[in-house]
Amino acid sequence: MNYDFSQLNDKEFEMLTADLLAELFKKRIERFKPGRDGGVDGRFYSNMNDEVILQCKHYSKTGYRGLINKLKQEERQKVKKLDPNRYIFVTSLPLSPDNKKEIRKIFSPYIQRDDDVFAKEDLNDLLSKHS
């Protein structure tokens, strides 16, 4: 599979992502109403008190540089304010290992590992396992 997700609007992309990650993590992921979300597109708890925040950025037309600028200028501050135990970031853009590392560093210490950054390729892999 090689979907580019361009046919989905932002909310549809969030819904698809939450469904796929719920299958992957075997957890129910809370979703919230459309609009300003303060950096929270989904949430679950890995243990009783370990909050995991899911953020989706459907930037298929903006490109990688536009995404990085937005993350540095706006999103990083939102995550610091939320102060989650773990932060999972998802984008519809294709990413290289270095791109994932750059995103992880922007959100350090909340994104703990590069594989907490999900890209187009990761979503396609999940779709092939969880149609």
N, C-alpha and C. Protein backbone atom coordinates (compact mmCIF):
# COMPACT_ATOMS: atom_id res chain seq x y z
N MET A 1 0.83 -1.18 0.00
CA MET A 1 0.00 0.00 0.00
C MET A 1 0.88 1.25 0.00
N ASN A 2 0.38 2.26 -0.69
CA ASN A 2 1.12 3.51 -0.71
C ASN A 2 0.16 4.68 -0.81
N TYR A 3 -0.67 4.83 0.20
CA TYR A 3 -1.59 5.95 0.25
C TYR A 3 -0.84 7.22 0.61
N ASP A 4 -1.30 8.35 0.05
CA ASP A 4 -0.70 9.63 0.43
C ASP A 4 -1.61 10.44 1.36
N PHE A 5 -2.83 9.95 1.59
CA PHE A 5 -3.79 10.53 2.54
C PHE A 5 -4.30 11.91 2.13
N SER A 6 -4.01 12.32 0.90
CA SER A 6 -4.40 13.66 0.46
C SER A 6 -5.92 13.81 0.30
N GLN A 7 -6.65 12.72 0.17
CA GLN A 7 -8.11 12.80 0.04
C GLN A 7 -8.81 13.04 1.37
N LEU A 8 -8.06 12.90 2.47
CA LEU A 8 -8.65 13.06 3.81
C LEU A 8 -8.52 14.51 4.28
N ASN A 9 -9.54 14.99 4.98
CA ASN A 9 -9.38 16.29 5.63
C ASN A 9 -8.68 16.06 6.98
N ASP A 10 -8.40 17.14 7.70
CA ASP A 10 -7.64 17.02 8.95
C ASP A 10 -8.32 16.10 9.95
N LYS A 11 -9.63 16.24 10.12
CA LYS A 11 -10.35 15.44 11.11
C LYS A 11 -10.37 13.96 10.71
N GLU A 12 -10.57 13.69 9.43
CA GLU A 12 -10.55 12.30 8.95
C GLU A 12 -9.17 11.68 9.16
N PHE A 13 -8.13 12.47 8.92
CA PHE A 13 -6.77 11.98 9.15
C PHE A 13 -6.56 11.64 10.63
N GLU A 14 -7.04 12.50 11.52
CA GLU A 14 -6.94 12.23 12.96
C GLU A 14 -7.68 10.96 13.33
N MET A 15 -8.88 10.77 12.78
CA MET A 15 -9.68 9.58 13.09
C MET A 15 -8.97 8.31 12.63
N LEU A 16 -8.45 8.33 11.41
CA LEU A 16 -7.73 7.17 10.88
C LEU A 16 -6.51 6.87 11.75
N THR A 17 -5.77 7.90 12.08
CA THR A 17 -4.57 7.73 12.90
C THR A 17 -4.91 7.14 14.27
N ALA A 18 -5.93 7.68 14.92
CA ALA A 18 -6.33 7.17 16.23
C ALA A 18 -6.74 5.71 16.14
N ASP A 19 -7.48 5.34 15.10
CA ASP A 19 -7.90 3.94 14.93
C ASP A 19 -6.69 3.02 14.74
N LEU A 20 -5.74 3.44 13.90
CA LEU A 20 -4.56 2.60 13.65
C LEU A 20 -3.69 2.46 14.90
N LEU A 21 -3.48 3.56 15.62
CA LEU A 21 -2.65 3.49 16.82
C LEU A 21 -3.35 2.76 17.95
N ALA A 22 -4.67 2.81 18.00
CA ALA A 22 -5.41 2.02 18.99
C ALA A 22 -5.17 0.53 18.76
N GLU A 23 -5.13 0.12 17.52
CA GLU A 23 -4.82 -1.29 17.19
C GLU A 23 -3.38 -1.63 17.57
N LEU A 24 -2.47 -0.74 17.23
CA LEU A 24 -1.05 -0.97 17.51
C LEU A 24 -0.78 -1.09 19.01
N PHE A 25 -1.32 -0.15 19.79
CA PHE A 25 -1.03 -0.11 21.22
C PHE A 25 -2.03 -0.90 22.06
N LYS A 26 -3.08 -1.40 21.42
CA LYS A 26 -4.12 -2.16 22.14
C LYS A 26 -4.72 -1.34 23.27
N LYS A 27 -5.00 -0.07 22.96
CA LYS A 27 -5.58 0.87 23.92
C LYS A 27 -6.70 1.64 23.23
N ARG A 28 -7.68 2.06 24.01
CA ARG A 28 -8.69 2.98 23.49
C ARG A 28 -8.08 4.37 23.52
N ILE A 29 -8.15 5.06 22.39
CA ILE A 29 -7.61 6.41 22.31
C ILE A 29 -8.78 7.38 22.32
N GLU A 30 -8.76 8.28 23.30
CA GLU A 30 -9.78 9.33 23.36
C GLU A 30 -9.54 10.30 22.23
N ARG A 31 -10.64 10.74 21.60
CA ARG A 31 -10.56 11.79 20.59
C ARG A 31 -11.45 12.93 21.04
N PHE A 32 -11.20 14.10 20.48
CA PHE A 32 -11.89 15.29 20.94
C PHE A 32 -12.52 16.04 19.77
N LYS A 33 -13.38 16.99 20.09
CA LYS A 33 -14.12 17.73 19.07
C LYS A 33 -13.18 18.51 18.16
N PRO A 34 -13.65 18.84 16.95
CA PRO A 34 -12.84 19.65 16.04
C PRO A 34 -12.60 21.04 16.62
N GLY A 35 -11.55 21.68 16.16
CA GLY A 35 -11.24 23.03 16.58
C GLY A 35 -9.95 23.08 17.38
N ARG A 36 -9.75 24.18 18.06
CA ARG A 36 -8.53 24.36 18.85
C ARG A 36 -8.46 23.29 19.93
N ASP A 37 -7.37 22.55 19.91
CA ASP A 37 -7.25 21.42 20.83
C ASP A 37 -6.07 21.54 21.78
N GLY A 38 -5.32 22.64 21.68
CA GLY A 38 -4.19 22.82 22.58
C GLY A 38 -3.08 21.81 22.37
N GLY A 39 -3.05 21.18 21.19
CA GLY A 39 -2.00 20.21 20.91
C GLY A 39 -2.38 18.78 21.23
N VAL A 40 -3.68 18.51 21.44
CA VAL A 40 -4.12 17.16 21.79
C VAL A 40 -5.15 16.68 20.77
N ASP A 41 -4.75 15.76 19.90
CA ASP A 41 -5.70 15.15 18.97
C ASP A 41 -6.20 13.82 19.51
N GLY A 42 -5.47 13.23 20.42
CA GLY A 42 -5.87 11.98 21.05
C GLY A 42 -5.10 11.80 22.34
N ARG A 43 -5.63 10.90 23.17
CA ARG A 43 -4.97 10.66 24.45
C ARG A 43 -5.32 9.27 24.94
N PHE A 44 -4.33 8.63 25.57
CA PHE A 44 -4.57 7.39 26.29
C PHE A 44 -3.59 7.32 27.44
N TYR A 45 -3.77 6.34 28.29
CA TYR A 45 -2.91 6.18 29.46
C TYR A 45 -2.22 4.82 29.35
N SER A 46 -0.89 4.85 29.40
CA SER A 46 -0.14 3.60 29.28
C SER A 46 -0.17 2.84 30.60
N ASN A 47 -0.23 3.53 31.70
CA ASN A 47 -0.41 2.96 33.03
C ASN A 47 -1.46 3.81 33.71
N MET A 48 -1.65 3.64 34.97
CA MET A 48 -2.69 4.40 35.66
C MET A 48 -2.50 5.91 35.52
N ASN A 49 -1.28 6.41 35.59
CA ASN A 49 -1.06 7.85 35.58
C ASN A 49 -0.18 8.35 34.45
N ASP A 50 0.21 7.50 33.52
CA ASP A 50 1.12 7.89 32.45
C ASP A 50 0.33 8.34 31.22
N GLU A 51 0.16 9.64 31.11
CA GLU A 51 -0.61 10.21 30.01
C GLU A 51 0.23 10.21 28.73
N VAL A 52 -0.37 9.70 27.66
CA VAL A 52 0.26 9.70 26.34
C VAL A 52 -0.60 10.57 25.43
N ILE A 53 0.01 11.60 24.85
CA ILE A 53 -0.69 12.53 23.97
C ILE A 53 -0.36 12.19 22.52
N LEU A 54 -1.38 12.21 21.69
CA LEU A 54 -1.24 11.98 20.26
C LEU A 54 -1.53 13.28 19.53
N GLN A 55 -0.60 13.68 18.64
CA GLN A 55 -0.80 14.88 17.83
C GLN A 55 -0.61 14.51 16.36
N CYS A 56 -1.56 14.92 15.53
CA CYS A 56 -1.51 14.63 14.09
C CYS A 56 -1.36 15.92 13.31
N LYS A 57 -0.48 15.90 12.34
CA LYS A 57 -0.30 17.05 11.44
C LYS A 57 -0.38 16.53 10.00
N HIS A 58 -1.47 16.90 9.36
CA HIS A 58 -1.74 16.47 7.98
C HIS A 58 -1.24 17.55 7.04
N TYR A 59 0.05 17.59 6.83
CA TYR A 59 0.70 18.68 6.10
C TYR A 59 1.12 18.26 4.70
N SER A 60 0.25 17.54 4.00
CA SER A 60 0.61 17.01 2.69
C SER A 60 0.93 18.11 1.68
N LYS A 61 0.35 19.30 1.82
CA LYS A 61 0.60 20.38 0.86
C LYS A 61 1.66 21.36 1.35
N THR A 62 1.96 21.35 2.64
CA THR A 62 2.89 22.31 3.21
C THR A 62 4.34 21.89 3.02
N GLY A 63 4.59 20.59 3.10
CA GLY A 63 5.95 20.08 2.97
C GLY A 63 6.69 20.05 4.30
N TYR A 64 7.84 19.42 4.26
CA TYR A 64 8.59 19.17 5.49
C TYR A 64 9.08 20.46 6.15
N ARG A 65 9.65 21.37 5.41
CA ARG A 65 10.17 22.62 5.99
C ARG A 65 9.04 23.42 6.65
N GLY A 66 7.90 23.49 6.01
CA GLY A 66 6.75 24.19 6.60
C GLY A 66 6.31 23.53 7.89
N LEU A 67 6.33 22.19 7.91
CA LEU A 67 5.98 21.45 9.12
C LEU A 67 6.95 21.77 10.25
N ILE A 68 8.24 21.71 9.97
CA ILE A 68 9.26 21.96 11.00
C ILE A 68 9.12 23.38 11.55
N ASN A 69 8.90 24.34 10.69
CA ASN A 69 8.72 25.73 11.16
C ASN A 69 7.53 25.84 12.10
N LYS A 70 6.43 25.21 11.74
CA LYS A 70 5.22 25.24 12.59
C LYS A 70 5.49 24.57 13.94
N LEU A 71 6.20 23.46 13.92
CA LEU A 71 6.50 22.74 15.16
C LEU A 71 7.35 23.60 16.10
N LYS A 72 8.35 24.25 15.54
CA LYS A 72 9.24 25.09 16.36
C LYS A 72 8.55 26.35 16.86
N GLN A 73 7.74 26.97 16.00
CA GLN A 73 7.13 28.25 16.35
C GLN A 73 5.92 28.12 17.27
N GLU A 74 5.14 27.03 17.12
CA GLU A 74 3.89 26.94 17.87
C GLU A 74 3.73 25.67 18.70
N GLU A 75 4.00 24.55 18.10
CA GLU A 75 3.64 23.28 18.73
C GLU A 75 4.52 22.92 19.93
N ARG A 76 5.79 23.24 19.86
CA ARG A 76 6.70 22.91 20.97
C ARG A 76 6.21 23.51 22.29
N GLN A 77 5.76 24.76 22.26
CA GLN A 77 5.26 25.42 23.47
C GLN A 77 4.01 24.75 24.01
N LYS A 78 3.13 24.30 23.11
CA LYS A 78 1.91 23.61 23.54
C LYS A 78 2.25 22.32 24.29
N VAL A 79 3.23 21.60 23.77
CA VAL A 79 3.61 20.33 24.40
C VAL A 79 4.25 20.57 25.76
N LYS A 80 5.10 21.59 25.86
CA LYS A 80 5.70 21.92 27.16
C LYS A 80 4.62 22.24 28.19
N LYS A 81 3.61 22.97 27.77
CA LYS A 81 2.52 23.32 28.67
C LYS A 81 1.74 22.07 29.11
N LEU A 82 1.52 21.14 28.18
CA LEU A 82 0.80 19.90 28.49
C LEU A 82 1.61 19.00 29.42
N ASP A 83 2.92 18.96 29.20
CA ASP A 83 3.85 18.15 30.00
C ASP A 83 3.42 16.69 30.11
N PRO A 84 3.19 16.01 28.96
CA PRO A 84 2.78 14.61 29.02
C PRO A 84 3.94 13.69 29.38
N ASN A 85 3.62 12.49 29.82
CA ASN A 85 4.65 11.48 30.06
C ASN A 85 5.28 11.02 28.74
N ARG A 86 4.46 11.01 27.70
CA ARG A 86 4.92 10.57 26.38
C ARG A 86 4.12 11.31 25.33
N TYR A 87 4.76 11.63 24.23
CA TYR A 87 4.13 12.37 23.14
C TYR A 87 4.38 11.61 21.86
N ILE A 88 3.31 11.33 21.14
CA ILE A 88 3.41 10.63 19.86
C ILE A 88 2.98 11.60 18.77
N PHE A 89 3.84 11.75 17.79
CA PHE A 89 3.60 12.70 16.70
C PHE A 89 3.38 11.94 15.40
N VAL A 90 2.34 12.34 14.66
CA VAL A 90 1.99 11.67 13.41
C VAL A 90 1.84 12.71 12.32
N THR A 91 2.42 12.42 11.15
CA THR A 91 2.25 13.28 9.99
C THR A 91 1.98 12.43 8.76
N SER A 92 1.29 13.03 7.80
CA SER A 92 1.03 12.34 6.53
C SER A 92 2.21 12.50 5.56
N LEU A 93 3.21 13.24 5.96
CA LEU A 93 4.39 13.44 5.11
C LEU A 93 5.32 12.24 5.18
N PRO A 94 6.04 11.96 4.10
CA PRO A 94 7.10 10.96 4.17
C PRO A 94 8.28 11.54 4.94
N LEU A 95 8.93 10.73 5.76
CA LEU A 95 10.06 11.20 6.57
C LEU A 95 11.23 10.24 6.46
N SER A 96 12.42 10.80 6.53
CA SER A 96 13.65 10.01 6.60
C SER A 96 14.00 9.78 8.07
N PRO A 97 14.97 8.90 8.35
CA PRO A 97 15.41 8.75 9.74
C PRO A 97 15.90 10.07 10.35
N ASP A 98 16.61 10.87 9.57
CA ASP A 98 17.08 12.16 10.08
C ASP A 98 15.92 13.12 10.35
N ASN A 99 14.87 13.07 9.52
CA ASN A 99 13.69 13.90 9.76
C ASN A 99 13.03 13.52 11.08
N LYS A 100 12.91 12.22 11.33
CA LYS A 100 12.30 11.77 12.59
C LYS A 100 13.15 12.21 13.79
N LYS A 101 14.44 12.12 13.65
CA LYS A 101 15.34 12.54 14.72
C LYS A 101 15.19 14.04 15.00
N GLU A 102 15.06 14.84 13.94
CA GLU A 102 14.88 16.28 14.11
C GLU A 102 13.57 16.59 14.86
N ILE A 103 12.50 15.90 14.50
CA ILE A 103 11.22 16.10 15.17
C ILE A 103 11.31 15.65 16.63
N ARG A 104 11.96 14.53 16.87
CA ARG A 104 12.13 14.05 18.26
C ARG A 104 12.87 15.09 19.09
N LYS A 105 13.90 15.67 18.53
CA LYS A 105 14.68 16.68 19.27
C LYS A 105 13.86 17.93 19.57
N ILE A 106 13.00 18.32 18.65
CA ILE A 106 12.15 19.49 18.88
C ILE A 106 11.27 19.26 20.11
N PHE A 107 10.78 18.04 20.27
CA PHE A 107 9.85 17.74 21.35
C PHE A 107 10.49 16.98 22.52
N SER A 108 11.80 16.95 22.58
CA SER A 108 12.48 16.29 23.69
C SER A 108 12.15 17.02 24.98
N PRO A 109 11.90 16.34 26.06
CA PRO A 109 12.01 14.91 26.34
C PRO A 109 10.69 14.15 26.15
N TYR A 110 9.67 14.77 25.56
CA TYR A 110 8.35 14.15 25.47
C TYR A 110 8.28 13.05 24.43
N ILE A 111 8.91 13.28 23.27
CA ILE A 111 9.08 12.18 22.32
C ILE A 111 10.37 11.49 22.75
N GLN A 112 10.23 10.26 23.19
CA GLN A 112 11.35 9.56 23.81
C GLN A 112 12.22 8.81 22.81
N ARG A 113 11.58 8.38 21.71
CA ARG A 113 12.31 7.59 20.71
C ARG A 113 11.86 8.01 19.32
N ASP A 114 12.71 7.78 18.35
CA ASP A 114 12.37 8.15 16.97
C ASP A 114 11.12 7.43 16.48
N ASP A 115 10.86 6.22 16.99
CA ASP A 115 9.68 5.49 16.51
C ASP A 115 8.38 5.97 17.16
N ASP A 116 8.44 7.03 17.98
CA ASP A 116 7.24 7.72 18.43
C ASP A 116 6.83 8.81 17.44
N VAL A 117 7.56 8.91 16.34
CA VAL A 117 7.21 9.79 15.23
C VAL A 117 6.75 8.88 14.09
N PHE A 118 5.47 9.02 13.72
CA PHE A 118 4.88 8.20 12.67
C PHE A 118 4.74 9.05 11.42
N ALA A 119 5.17 8.49 10.28
CA ALA A 119 5.13 9.18 9.00
C ALA A 119 4.24 8.41 8.03
N LYS A 120 4.14 8.92 6.84
CA LYS A 120 3.33 8.31 5.78
C LYS A 120 3.65 6.82 5.64
N GLU A 121 4.92 6.47 5.63
CA GLU A 121 5.32 5.08 5.44
C GLU A 121 4.84 4.20 6.60
N ASP A 122 4.94 4.72 7.81
CA ASP A 122 4.50 3.97 8.99
C ASP A 122 3.00 3.73 8.95
N LEU A 123 2.25 4.75 8.55
CA LEU A 123 0.80 4.61 8.47
C LEU A 123 0.40 3.59 7.41
N ASN A 124 1.10 3.60 6.29
CA ASN A 124 0.83 2.60 5.25
C ASN A 124 1.15 1.19 5.76
N ASP A 125 2.22 1.04 6.52
CA ASP A 125 2.55 -0.27 7.10
C ASP A 125 1.45 -0.73 8.05
N LEU A 126 0.96 0.19 8.89
CA LEU A 126 -0.13 -0.15 9.80
C LEU A 126 -1.41 -0.52 9.05
N LEU A 127 -1.69 0.21 7.98
CA LEU A 127 -2.88 -0.12 7.16
C LEU A 127 -2.78 -1.50 6.54
N SER A 128 -1.59 -1.90 6.16
CA SER A 128 -1.44 -3.23 5.57
C SER A 128 -1.70 -4.34 6.60
N LYS A 129 -1.49 -4.04 7.88
CA LYS A 129 -1.73 -5.02 8.95
C LYS A 129 -3.12 -4.92 9.54
N HIS A 130 -3.72 -3.74 9.48
CA HIS A 130 -5.01 -3.47 10.12
C HIS A 130 -5.94 -2.77 9.14
N SER A 131 -6.35 -3.48 8.12
CA SER A 131 -7.18 -2.86 7.08
C SER A 131 -8.54 -2.45 7.63
